Amino acid sequence: MKSRTALRLFGLSLALAPLTGLAQPALETAQHRHCLRELERVSEATGRAFEQRDLDAFMASFADDAIQVNTRGQLFQGKPAITAFYRAVMAGNYTFKRTLLSQQVNGCSSAIVADRIEFALPEAGIVLHGIDVANWVRSRGRWQLAADTTTQIAQP
């Protein structure tokens, strides 16, 4: 009798799990994976747009009130200022390579992506190695860059 009652209680707890929050960890895990995949797609597309010098596609990833800090410590606030900075950068004949170091998604509302980057202007003999940290926010169902900063590092 006890085992039959225990079995019924177990079945009832499974049936009520969605209402009691017991199923929440599995749901969060599925949602987290979805958000992470979505962020990866947007982040990769943003990197490709920069590599291909597609200013419009690149800037589509930035929030209107985004902040950009470059390796010289210059602060660009707002999409128009950031666009002007990258328009000048993209006028050069550069190569760009990035390697993902880390990414963390927080509740499908914000994320941090850290990349090791190499930016080179061969005709000027410039090769810049850095760490780029991008702070993403998810607003109205879409990931956007809220803040991005690049710190120069010694050649690896």
C-alpha atoms as a PDB file:
ATOM      1  CA  MET A   1       0.000   0.000   0.000  1.00  0.00           C
ATOM      2  CA  LYS A   2       2.788   2.398   0.900  1.00  0.00           C
ATOM      3  CA  SER A   3       4.542   1.846  -2.429  1.00  0.00           C
ATOM      4  CA  ARG A   4       1.308   2.473  -4.379  1.00  0.00           C
ATOM      5  CA  THR A   5       0.754   5.732  -2.455  1.00  0.00           C
ATOM      6  CA  ALA A   6       4.359   6.758  -3.021  1.00  0.00           C
ATOM      7  CA  LEU A   7       4.013   6.003  -6.725  1.00  0.00           C
ATOM      8  CA  ARG A   8       0.832   8.109  -6.950  1.00  0.00           C
ATOM      9  CA  LEU A   9       2.488  10.986  -5.112  1.00  0.00           C
ATOM     10  CA  PHE A  10       5.462  10.770  -7.440  1.00  0.00           C
ATOM     11  CA  GLY A  11       3.168  10.823 -10.481  1.00  0.00           C
ATOM     12  CA  LEU A  12       1.222  13.744  -9.040  1.00  0.00           C
ATOM     13  CA  SER A  13       4.432  15.666  -8.366  1.00  0.00           C
ATOM     14  CA  LEU A  14       5.502  15.141 -12.001  1.00  0.00           C
ATOM     15  CA  ALA A  15       2.119  16.304 -13.249  1.00  0.00           C
ATOM     16  CA  LEU A  16       2.267  19.412 -11.057  1.00  0.00           C
ATOM     17  CA  ALA A  17       5.939  20.139 -11.699  1.00  0.00           C
ATOM     18  CA  PRO A  18       5.303  22.868 -14.291  1.00  0.00           C
ATOM     19  CA  LEU A  19       3.025  24.642 -11.818  1.00  0.00           C
ATOM     20  CA  THR A  20       5.333  24.326  -8.832  1.00  0.00           C
ATOM     21  CA  GLY A  21       8.586  25.321 -10.484  1.00  0.00           C
ATOM     22  CA  LEU A  22      10.154  21.857 -10.296  1.00  0.00           C
ATOM     23  CA  ALA A  23      10.509  21.837 -14.078  1.00  0.00           C
ATOM     24  CA  GLN A  24      12.104  25.294 -14.095  1.00  0.00           C
ATOM     25  CA  PRO A  25      15.776  24.211 -14.226  1.00  0.00           C
ATOM     26  CA  ALA A  26      15.193  22.214 -17.429  1.00  0.00           C
ATOM     27  CA  LEU A  27      13.289  25.125 -18.964  1.00  0.00           C
ATOM     28  CA  GLU A  28      16.030  27.592 -18.004  1.00  0.00           C
ATOM     29  CA  THR A  29      18.643  25.295 -19.451  1.00  0.00           C
ATOM     30  CA  ALA A  30      16.802  25.048 -22.769  1.00  0.00           C
ATOM     31  CA  GLN A  31      16.209  28.794 -22.809  1.00  0.00           C
ATOM     32  CA  HIS A  32      19.831  29.450 -21.862  1.00  0.00           C
ATOM     33  CA  ARG A  33      21.052  27.251 -24.737  1.00  0.00           C
ATOM     34  CA  HIS A  34      18.711  29.049 -27.143  1.00  0.00           C
ATOM     35  CA  CYS A  35      19.912  32.476 -25.995  1.00  0.00           C
ATOM     36  CA  LEU A  36      23.545  31.401 -26.181  1.00  0.00           C
ATOM     37  CA  ARG A  37      23.131  30.102 -29.757  1.00  0.00           C
ATOM     38  CA  GLU A  38      21.331  33.303 -30.721  1.00  0.00           C
ATOM     39  CA  LEU A  39      24.130  35.416 -29.213  1.00  0.00           C
ATOM     40  CA  GLU A  40      26.795  33.326 -30.960  1.00  0.00           C
ATOM     41  CA  ARG A  41      25.109  33.896 -34.334  1.00  0.00           C
ATOM     42  CA  VAL A  42      24.872  37.661 -33.804  1.00  0.00           C
ATOM     43  CA  SER A  43      28.412  37.929 -32.450  1.00  0.00           C
ATOM     44  CA  GLU A  44      29.846  35.920 -35.357  1.00  0.00           C
ATOM     45  CA  ALA A  45      27.884  37.990 -37.890  1.00  0.00           C
ATOM     46  CA  THR A  46      29.204  41.178 -36.298  1.00  0.00           C
ATOM     47  CA  GLY A  47      32.788  39.899 -36.545  1.00  0.00           C
ATOM     48  CA  ARG A  48      32.288  38.889 -40.186  1.00  0.00           C
ATOM     49  CA  ALA A  49      30.822  42.312 -40.998  1.00  0.00           C
ATOM     50  CA  PHE A  50      33.942  43.957 -39.543  1.00  0.00           C
ATOM     51  CA  GLU A  51      36.250  41.610 -41.465  1.00  0.00           C
ATOM     52  CA  GLN A  52      34.352  42.370 -44.686  1.00  0.00           C
ATOM     53  CA  ARG A  53      34.221  46.128 -44.026  1.00  0.00           C
ATOM     54  CA  ASP A  54      30.409  46.125 -44.097  1.00  0.00           C
ATOM     55  CA  LEU A  55      29.780  49.184 -41.942  1.00  0.00           C
ATOM     56  CA  ASP A  56      25.972  48.989 -42.100  1.00  0.00           C
ATOM     57  CA  ALA A  57      25.832  45.327 -41.055  1.00  0.00           C
ATOM     58  CA  PHE A  58      28.456  45.931 -38.372  1.00  0.00           C
ATOM     59  CA  MET A  59      26.671  48.951 -36.886  1.00  0.00           C
ATOM     60  CA  ALA A  60      23.316  47.129 -36.916  1.00  0.00           C
ATOM     61  CA  SER A  61      24.630  45.234 -33.886  1.00  0.00           C
ATOM     62  CA  PHE A  62      25.104  48.371 -31.777  1.00  0.00           C
ATOM     63  CA  ALA A  63      22.441  49.852 -29.506  1.00  0.00           C
ATOM     64  CA  ASP A  64      21.619  53.508 -30.180  1.00  0.00           C
ATOM     65  CA  ASP A  65      23.181  54.554 -26.862  1.00  0.00           C
ATOM     66  CA  ALA A  66      26.190  52.218 -27.050  1.00  0.00           C
ATOM     67  CA  ILE A  67      29.659  53.092 -25.793  1.00  0.00           C
ATOM     68  CA  GLN A  68      32.922  52.195 -27.527  1.00  0.00           C
ATOM     69  CA  VAL A  69      36.402  52.570 -26.007  1.00  0.00           C
ATOM     70  CA  ASN A  70      39.304  51.937 -28.363  1.00  0.00           C
ATOM     71  CA  THR A  71      42.878  50.898 -27.565  1.00  0.00           C
ATOM     72  CA  ARG A  72      43.921  54.536 -27.170  1.00  0.00           C
ATOM     73  CA  GLY A  73      41.322  55.093 -24.475  1.00  0.00           C
ATOM     74  CA  GLN A  74      39.135  57.240 -26.707  1.00  0.00           C
ATOM     75  CA  LEU A  75      35.469  57.105 -25.742  1.00  0.00           C
ATOM     76  CA  PHE A  76      32.781  57.158 -28.427  1.00  0.00           C
ATOM     77  CA  GLN A  77      29.285  57.524 -27.066  1.00  0.00           C
ATOM     78  CA  GLY A  78      26.199  56.846 -29.159  1.00  0.00           C
ATOM     79  CA  LYS A  79      25.761  55.156 -32.498  1.00  0.00           C
ATOM     80  CA  PRO A  80      26.600  58.223 -34.652  1.00  0.00           C
ATOM     81  CA  ALA A  81      29.994  58.702 -32.944  1.00  0.00           C
ATOM     82  CA  ILE A  82      30.792  54.987 -33.090  1.00  0.00           C
ATOM     83  CA  THR A  83      29.770  54.863 -36.762  1.00  0.00           C
ATOM     84  CA  ALA A  84      32.103  57.773 -37.600  1.00  0.00           C
ATOM     85  CA  PHE A  85      34.990  56.037 -35.794  1.00  0.00           C
ATOM     86  CA  TYR A  86      34.456  52.739 -37.613  1.00  0.00           C
ATOM     87  CA  ARG A  87      33.916  54.456 -40.968  1.00  0.00           C
ATOM     88  CA  ALA A  88      37.471  55.824 -40.627  1.00  0.00           C
ATOM     89  CA  VAL A  89      38.835  52.456 -39.462  1.00  0.00           C
ATOM     90  CA  MET A  90      37.161  50.576 -42.320  1.00  0.00           C
ATOM     91  CA  ALA A  91      38.653  52.953 -44.888  1.00  0.00           C
ATOM     92  CA  GLY A  92      42.020  51.274 -44.280  1.00  0.00           C
ATOM     93  CA  ASN A  93      43.280  48.062 -45.852  1.00  0.00           C
ATOM     94  CA  TYR A  94      43.352  45.899 -42.732  1.00  0.00           C
ATOM     95  CA  THR A  95      43.187  42.270 -41.769  1.00  0.00           C
ATOM     96  CA  PHE A  96      41.319  41.134 -38.717  1.00  0.00           C
ATOM     97  CA  LYS A  97      41.298  37.900 -36.784  1.00  0.00           C
ATOM     98  CA  ARG A  98      39.436  37.086 -33.592  1.00  0.00           C
ATOM     99  CA  THR A  99      39.494  34.101 -31.273  1.00  0.00           C
ATOM    100  CA  LEU A 100      36.757  33.565 -28.737  1.00  0.00           C
ATOM    101  CA  LEU A 101      38.075  33.415 -25.179  1.00  0.00           C
ATOM    102  CA  SER A 102      34.893  33.413 -23.130  1.00  0.00           C
ATOM    103  CA  GLN A 103      31.203  34.149 -23.274  1.00  0.00           C
ATOM    104  CA  GLN A 104      28.611  34.273 -20.557  1.00  0.00           C
ATOM    105  CA  VAL A 105      24.878  34.775 -20.882  1.00  0.00           C
ATOM    106  CA  ASN A 106      22.962  36.062 -17.900  1.00  0.00           C
ATOM    107  CA  GLY A 107      19.277  35.169 -17.898  1.00  0.00           C
ATOM    108  CA  CYS A 108      18.858  35.821 -21.621  1.00  0.00           C
ATOM    109  CA  SER A 109      18.999  39.568 -20.943  1.00  0.00           C
ATOM    110  CA  SER A 110      22.716  40.360 -20.961  1.00  0.00           C
ATOM    111  CA  ALA A 111      25.967  38.759 -21.996  1.00  0.00           C
ATOM    112  CA  ILE A 112      29.704  39.320 -22.045  1.00  0.00           C
ATOM    113  CA  VAL A 113      31.906  38.096 -24.879  1.00  0.00           C
ATOM    114  CA  ALA A 114      35.703  38.279 -24.646  1.00  0.00           C
ATOM    115  CA  ASP A 115      37.845  37.765 -27.734  1.00  0.00           C
ATOM    116  CA  ARG A 116      41.543  37.879 -28.471  1.00  0.00           C
ATOM    117  CA  ILE A 117      41.968  39.999 -31.579  1.00  0.00           C
ATOM    118  CA  GLU A 118      44.656  40.742 -34.113  1.00  0.00           C
ATOM    119  CA  PHE A 119      44.225  43.843 -36.235  1.00  0.00           C
ATOM    120  CA  ALA A 120      46.848  44.597 -38.866  1.00  0.00           C
ATOM    121  CA  LEU A 121      47.458  47.432 -41.319  1.00  0.00           C
ATOM    122  CA  PRO A 122      50.186  45.862 -43.477  1.00  0.00           C
ATOM    123  CA  GLU A 123      51.025  48.985 -45.522  1.00  0.00           C
ATOM    124  CA  ALA A 124      51.627  50.923 -42.287  1.00  0.00           C
ATOM    125  CA  GLY A 125      53.489  48.046 -40.616  1.00  0.00           C
ATOM    126  CA  ILE A 126      50.988  48.046 -37.738  1.00  0.00           C
ATOM    127  CA  VAL A 127      49.903  44.883 -35.956  1.00  0.00           C
ATOM    128  CA  LEU A 128      47.737  45.327 -32.898  1.00  0.00           C
ATOM    129  CA  HIS A 129      47.027  42.488 -30.488  1.00  0.00           C
ATOM    130  CA  GLY A 130      44.278  42.992 -27.984  1.00  0.00           C
ATOM    131  CA  ILE A 131      41.482  41.699 -25.842  1.00  0.00           C
ATOM    132  CA  ASP A 132      38.026  42.872 -26.829  1.00  0.00           C
ATOM    133  CA  VAL A 133      35.253  42.737 -24.252  1.00  0.00           C
ATOM    134  CA  ALA A 134      31.755  43.199 -25.639  1.00  0.00           C
ATOM    135  CA  ASN A 135      28.792  43.758 -23.342  1.00  0.00           C
ATOM    136  CA  TRP A 136      25.576  42.682 -25.018  1.00  0.00           C
ATOM    137  CA  VAL A 137      21.986  43.323 -23.959  1.00  0.00           C
ATOM    138  CA  ARG A 138      18.884  41.643 -25.270  1.00  0.00           C
ATOM    139  CA  SER A 139      16.166  44.173 -25.945  1.00  0.00           C
ATOM    140  CA  ARG A 140      12.901  43.614 -27.796  1.00  0.00           C
ATOM    141  CA  GLY A 141      13.963  40.065 -28.609  1.00  0.00           C
ATOM    142  CA  ARG A 142      17.294  40.976 -30.151  1.00  0.00           C
ATOM    143  CA  TRP A 143      20.912  41.109 -28.980  1.00  0.00           C
ATOM    144  CA  GLN A 144      22.656  44.479 -29.247  1.00  0.00           C
ATOM    145  CA  LEU A 145      26.084  45.741 -28.249  1.00  0.00           C
ATOM    146  CA  ALA A 146      25.738  48.126 -25.316  1.00  0.00           C
ATOM    147  CA  ALA A 147      29.432  48.641 -24.606  1.00  0.00           C
ATOM    148  CA  ASP A 148      32.616  47.464 -26.251  1.00  0.00           C
ATOM    149  CA  THR A 149      36.196  48.038 -25.219  1.00  0.00           C
ATOM    150  CA  THR A 150      39.473  46.845 -26.647  1.00  0.00           C
ATOM    151  CA  THR A 151      42.672  46.725 -24.614  1.00  0.00           C
ATOM    152  CA  GLN A 152      46.002  46.365 -26.354  1.00  0.00           C
ATOM    153  CA  ILE A 153      48.198  43.511 -25.136  1.00  0.00           C
ATOM    154  CA  ALA A 154      51.742  42.452 -25.902  1.00  0.00           C
ATOM    155  CA  GLN A 155      52.159  40.192 -28.874  1.00  0.00           C
ATOM    156  CA  PRO A 156      51.331  36.650 -27.757  1.00  0.00           C
END
